[in-house]
Amino acid sequence: MENVFKFKYLGTLFAADGCQMYDITARIAAAKKRCGALRGIFDSKDLDLSLKIRLYVAAVCSLLTYGAETWDLAESVQRKLNGAN
């Protein structure tokens, strides 16, 4: 068995030093990537704004906040998450 500093388990990134910022940064990157993939839908003039918002919450916000119940939401973490959202 190899000794590593960071590893992914059940979709969450864990670090040996217990720092949660690795996981939060990875979640923000994944949410931005998903948002970019859905750009065509968000830019569409044919879809209603309420549908776009529901899609954003379901596809992007859920990815961003997966595992957030275990995070220590310090003020710096909250600012980082709000900035990404």
N, C-alpha and C. Protein backbone atom coordinates (compact mmCIF):
# COMPACT_ATOMS: atom_id res chain seq x y z
N MET A 1 0.84 -1.16 0.00
CA MET A 1 0.00 0.00 0.00
C MET A 1 0.90 1.24 0.00
N GLU A 2 0.52 2.21 -0.82
CA GLU A 2 1.29 3.44 -0.95
C GLU A 2 0.79 4.50 0.02
N ASN A 3 1.71 5.24 0.62
CA ASN A 3 1.38 6.33 1.51
C ASN A 3 1.30 7.62 0.68
N VAL A 4 0.14 8.27 0.69
CA VAL A 4 -0.07 9.48 -0.12
C VAL A 4 -0.54 10.61 0.78
N PHE A 5 -0.37 11.85 0.29
CA PHE A 5 -0.82 13.02 1.05
C PHE A 5 -2.30 13.30 0.82
N LYS A 6 -2.76 13.18 -0.44
CA LYS A 6 -4.17 13.42 -0.78
C LYS A 6 -4.72 12.19 -1.48
N PHE A 7 -6.00 11.90 -1.22
CA PHE A 7 -6.68 10.82 -1.92
C PHE A 7 -8.16 11.13 -2.02
N LYS A 8 -8.79 10.55 -3.03
CA LYS A 8 -10.22 10.75 -3.24
C LYS A 8 -10.95 9.50 -2.76
N TYR A 9 -11.99 9.71 -1.95
CA TYR A 9 -12.81 8.63 -1.44
C TYR A 9 -14.27 9.06 -1.51
N LEU A 10 -15.07 8.29 -2.22
CA LEU A 10 -16.49 8.57 -2.41
C LEU A 10 -16.73 9.99 -2.92
N GLY A 11 -15.86 10.43 -3.82
CA GLY A 11 -16.02 11.73 -4.45
C GLY A 11 -15.48 12.91 -3.67
N THR A 12 -14.95 12.67 -2.48
CA THR A 12 -14.41 13.74 -1.65
C THR A 12 -12.90 13.61 -1.57
N LEU A 13 -12.20 14.73 -1.65
CA LEU A 13 -10.75 14.76 -1.60
C LEU A 13 -10.31 14.95 -0.16
N PHE A 14 -9.57 13.97 0.36
CA PHE A 14 -9.06 14.03 1.72
C PHE A 14 -7.56 14.30 1.70
N ALA A 15 -7.07 15.03 2.69
CA ALA A 15 -5.64 15.34 2.81
C ALA A 15 -5.14 14.87 4.17
N ALA A 16 -3.88 14.49 4.20
CA ALA A 16 -3.29 13.97 5.44
C ALA A 16 -3.24 15.03 6.54
N ASP A 17 -3.14 16.29 6.16
CA ASP A 17 -3.09 17.35 7.17
C ASP A 17 -4.48 17.80 7.63
N GLY A 18 -5.53 17.21 7.07
CA GLY A 18 -6.91 17.53 7.45
C GLY A 18 -7.45 18.79 6.82
N CYS A 19 -6.69 19.40 5.92
CA CYS A 19 -7.13 20.64 5.28
C CYS A 19 -8.26 20.35 4.30
N GLN A 20 -9.34 21.08 4.43
CA GLN A 20 -10.50 20.87 3.56
C GLN A 20 -10.43 21.70 2.29
N MET A 21 -9.49 22.62 2.20
CA MET A 21 -9.43 23.52 1.05
C MET A 21 -9.12 22.78 -0.25
N TYR A 22 -8.44 21.65 -0.18
CA TYR A 22 -8.18 20.86 -1.39
C TYR A 22 -9.50 20.40 -2.00
N ASP A 23 -10.39 19.90 -1.15
CA ASP A 23 -11.69 19.43 -1.62
C ASP A 23 -12.55 20.59 -2.10
N ILE A 24 -12.55 21.68 -1.38
CA ILE A 24 -13.35 22.84 -1.76
C ILE A 24 -12.88 23.41 -3.10
N THR A 25 -11.58 23.51 -3.28
CA THR A 25 -11.03 24.01 -4.54
C THR A 25 -11.38 23.07 -5.69
N ALA A 26 -11.32 21.78 -5.45
CA ALA A 26 -11.67 20.80 -6.48
C ALA A 26 -13.16 20.88 -6.82
N ARG A 27 -14.00 21.09 -5.81
CA ARG A 27 -15.46 21.22 -6.03
C ARG A 27 -15.77 22.47 -6.86
N ILE A 28 -15.09 23.57 -6.55
CA ILE A 28 -15.30 24.81 -7.30
C ILE A 28 -14.89 24.61 -8.76
N ALA A 29 -13.75 23.96 -8.98
CA ALA A 29 -13.29 23.71 -10.35
C ALA A 29 -14.27 22.83 -11.11
N ALA A 30 -14.79 21.79 -10.45
CA ALA A 30 -15.75 20.90 -11.11
C ALA A 30 -17.06 21.63 -11.43
N ALA A 31 -17.51 22.50 -10.53
CA ALA A 31 -18.74 23.26 -10.76
C ALA A 31 -18.56 24.24 -11.91
N LYS A 32 -17.39 24.89 -11.99
CA LYS A 32 -17.13 25.81 -13.10
C LYS A 32 -17.06 25.06 -14.42
N LYS A 33 -16.49 23.88 -14.39
CA LYS A 33 -16.42 23.06 -15.61
C LYS A 33 -17.82 22.67 -16.07
N ARG A 34 -18.67 22.26 -15.13
CA ARG A 34 -20.05 21.89 -15.44
C ARG A 34 -20.81 23.09 -15.99
N CYS A 35 -20.60 24.25 -15.38
CA CYS A 35 -21.27 25.47 -15.83
C CYS A 35 -20.85 25.80 -17.26
N GLY A 36 -19.57 25.61 -17.56
CA GLY A 36 -19.09 25.83 -18.92
C GLY A 36 -19.70 24.87 -19.91
N ALA A 37 -19.88 23.62 -19.48
CA ALA A 37 -20.49 22.62 -20.36
C ALA A 37 -21.95 22.95 -20.65
N LEU A 38 -22.61 23.62 -19.73
CA LEU A 38 -24.02 23.97 -19.89
C LEU A 38 -24.21 25.38 -20.45
N ARG A 39 -23.15 26.01 -20.88
CA ARG A 39 -23.21 27.39 -21.35
C ARG A 39 -24.22 27.56 -22.49
N GLY A 40 -24.28 26.61 -23.38
CA GLY A 40 -25.23 26.69 -24.49
C GLY A 40 -26.67 26.75 -24.01
N ILE A 41 -26.96 26.03 -22.95
CA ILE A 41 -28.31 26.05 -22.39
C ILE A 41 -28.57 27.37 -21.68
N PHE A 42 -27.59 27.84 -20.91
CA PHE A 42 -27.76 29.09 -20.18
C PHE A 42 -27.86 30.30 -21.10
N ASP A 43 -27.23 30.24 -22.26
CA ASP A 43 -27.27 31.34 -23.22
C ASP A 43 -28.49 31.28 -24.15
N SER A 44 -29.24 30.19 -24.10
CA SER A 44 -30.37 30.00 -25.00
C SER A 44 -31.47 31.03 -24.74
N LYS A 45 -31.97 31.58 -25.81
CA LYS A 45 -33.09 32.53 -25.72
C LYS A 45 -34.43 31.79 -25.68
N ASP A 46 -34.42 30.50 -26.01
CA ASP A 46 -35.66 29.72 -26.10
C ASP A 46 -36.13 29.18 -24.76
N LEU A 47 -35.25 29.15 -23.75
CA LEU A 47 -35.61 28.59 -22.46
C LEU A 47 -35.95 29.69 -21.46
N ASP A 48 -36.93 29.41 -20.63
CA ASP A 48 -37.37 30.35 -19.60
C ASP A 48 -36.32 30.47 -18.50
N LEU A 49 -36.21 31.64 -17.91
CA LEU A 49 -35.23 31.88 -16.85
C LEU A 49 -35.43 30.94 -15.67
N SER A 50 -36.67 30.66 -15.30
CA SER A 50 -36.93 29.78 -14.16
C SER A 50 -36.40 28.37 -14.42
N LEU A 51 -36.48 27.90 -15.65
CA LEU A 51 -35.94 26.59 -16.00
C LEU A 51 -34.41 26.61 -15.92
N LYS A 52 -33.80 27.68 -16.37
CA LYS A 52 -32.35 27.81 -16.30
C LYS A 52 -31.88 27.82 -14.85
N ILE A 53 -32.59 28.50 -13.99
CA ILE A 53 -32.23 28.56 -12.58
C ILE A 53 -32.38 27.18 -11.94
N ARG A 54 -33.45 26.48 -12.24
CA ARG A 54 -33.65 25.13 -11.70
C ARG A 54 -32.54 24.20 -12.17
N LEU A 55 -32.16 24.32 -13.43
CA LEU A 55 -31.07 23.51 -13.96
C LEU A 55 -29.74 23.86 -13.29
N TYR A 56 -29.50 25.14 -13.07
CA TYR A 56 -28.28 25.59 -12.39
C TYR A 56 -28.20 25.00 -10.98
N VAL A 57 -29.29 25.08 -10.25
CA VAL A 57 -29.31 24.55 -8.88
C VAL A 57 -29.09 23.04 -8.89
N ALA A 58 -29.75 22.34 -9.80
CA ALA A 58 -29.65 20.88 -9.84
C ALA A 58 -28.30 20.39 -10.34
N ALA A 59 -27.76 21.04 -11.37
CA ALA A 59 -26.55 20.51 -12.01
C ALA A 59 -25.26 21.14 -11.50
N VAL A 60 -25.30 22.39 -11.11
CA VAL A 60 -24.06 23.08 -10.72
C VAL A 60 -23.95 23.21 -9.20
N CYS A 61 -24.98 23.75 -8.56
CA CYS A 61 -24.92 23.96 -7.11
C CYS A 61 -24.82 22.65 -6.34
N SER A 62 -25.49 21.62 -6.82
CA SER A 62 -25.41 20.33 -6.14
C SER A 62 -23.99 19.75 -6.22
N LEU A 63 -23.33 19.96 -7.35
CA LEU A 63 -21.95 19.51 -7.50
C LEU A 63 -21.02 20.32 -6.61
N LEU A 64 -21.25 21.60 -6.52
CA LEU A 64 -20.43 22.49 -5.71
C LEU A 64 -20.53 22.16 -4.22
N THR A 65 -21.71 21.84 -3.76
CA THR A 65 -21.93 21.68 -2.32
C THR A 65 -21.94 20.22 -1.85
N TYR A 66 -21.62 19.28 -2.73
CA TYR A 66 -21.60 17.87 -2.31
C TYR A 66 -20.56 17.69 -1.21
N GLY A 67 -20.95 17.17 -0.09
CA GLY A 67 -20.06 16.95 1.04
C GLY A 67 -19.88 18.17 1.92
N ALA A 68 -20.59 19.25 1.64
CA ALA A 68 -20.41 20.49 2.39
C ALA A 68 -20.83 20.36 3.85
N GLU A 69 -21.65 19.38 4.17
CA GLU A 69 -22.08 19.23 5.56
C GLU A 69 -20.92 18.85 6.48
N THR A 70 -19.80 18.40 5.93
CA THR A 70 -18.64 18.05 6.74
C THR A 70 -17.60 19.17 6.78
N TRP A 71 -17.80 20.24 6.00
CA TRP A 71 -16.82 21.32 5.95
C TRP A 71 -16.97 22.24 7.15
N ASP A 72 -15.85 22.76 7.61
CA ASP A 72 -15.84 23.82 8.61
C ASP A 72 -15.99 25.13 7.85
N LEU A 73 -17.16 25.72 7.92
CA LEU A 73 -17.45 26.90 7.10
C LEU A 73 -16.96 28.18 7.77
N ALA A 74 -15.65 28.32 7.79
CA ALA A 74 -15.04 29.55 8.28
C ALA A 74 -15.38 30.68 7.30
N GLU A 75 -15.16 31.90 7.72
CA GLU A 75 -15.52 33.04 6.89
C GLU A 75 -14.77 33.02 5.55
N SER A 76 -13.51 32.60 5.57
CA SER A 76 -12.74 32.54 4.32
C SER A 76 -13.32 31.51 3.36
N VAL A 77 -13.79 30.40 3.89
CA VAL A 77 -14.40 29.36 3.06
C VAL A 77 -15.72 29.87 2.49
N GLN A 78 -16.51 30.54 3.30
CA GLN A 78 -17.78 31.10 2.84
C GLN A 78 -17.56 32.11 1.71
N ARG A 79 -16.55 32.96 1.86
CA ARG A 79 -16.25 33.94 0.81
C ARG A 79 -15.85 33.23 -0.48
N LYS A 80 -15.04 32.19 -0.36
CA LYS A 80 -14.59 31.47 -1.53
C LYS A 80 -15.77 30.80 -2.25
N LEU A 81 -16.67 30.19 -1.50
CA LEU A 81 -17.85 29.53 -2.08
C LEU A 81 -18.81 30.55 -2.69
N ASN A 82 -19.02 31.66 -2.00
CA ASN A 82 -19.90 32.71 -2.54
C ASN A 82 -19.33 33.31 -3.80
N GLY A 83 -18.02 33.46 -3.85
CA GLY A 83 -17.38 33.98 -5.05
C GLY A 83 -17.50 33.04 -6.24
N ALA A 84 -17.49 31.75 -5.96
CA ALA A 84 -17.63 30.76 -7.03
C ALA A 84 -19.07 30.64 -7.49
N ASN A 85 -20.00 30.91 -6.60
CA ASN A 85 -21.40 30.78 -6.93
C ASN A 85 -21.88 32.07 -7.53
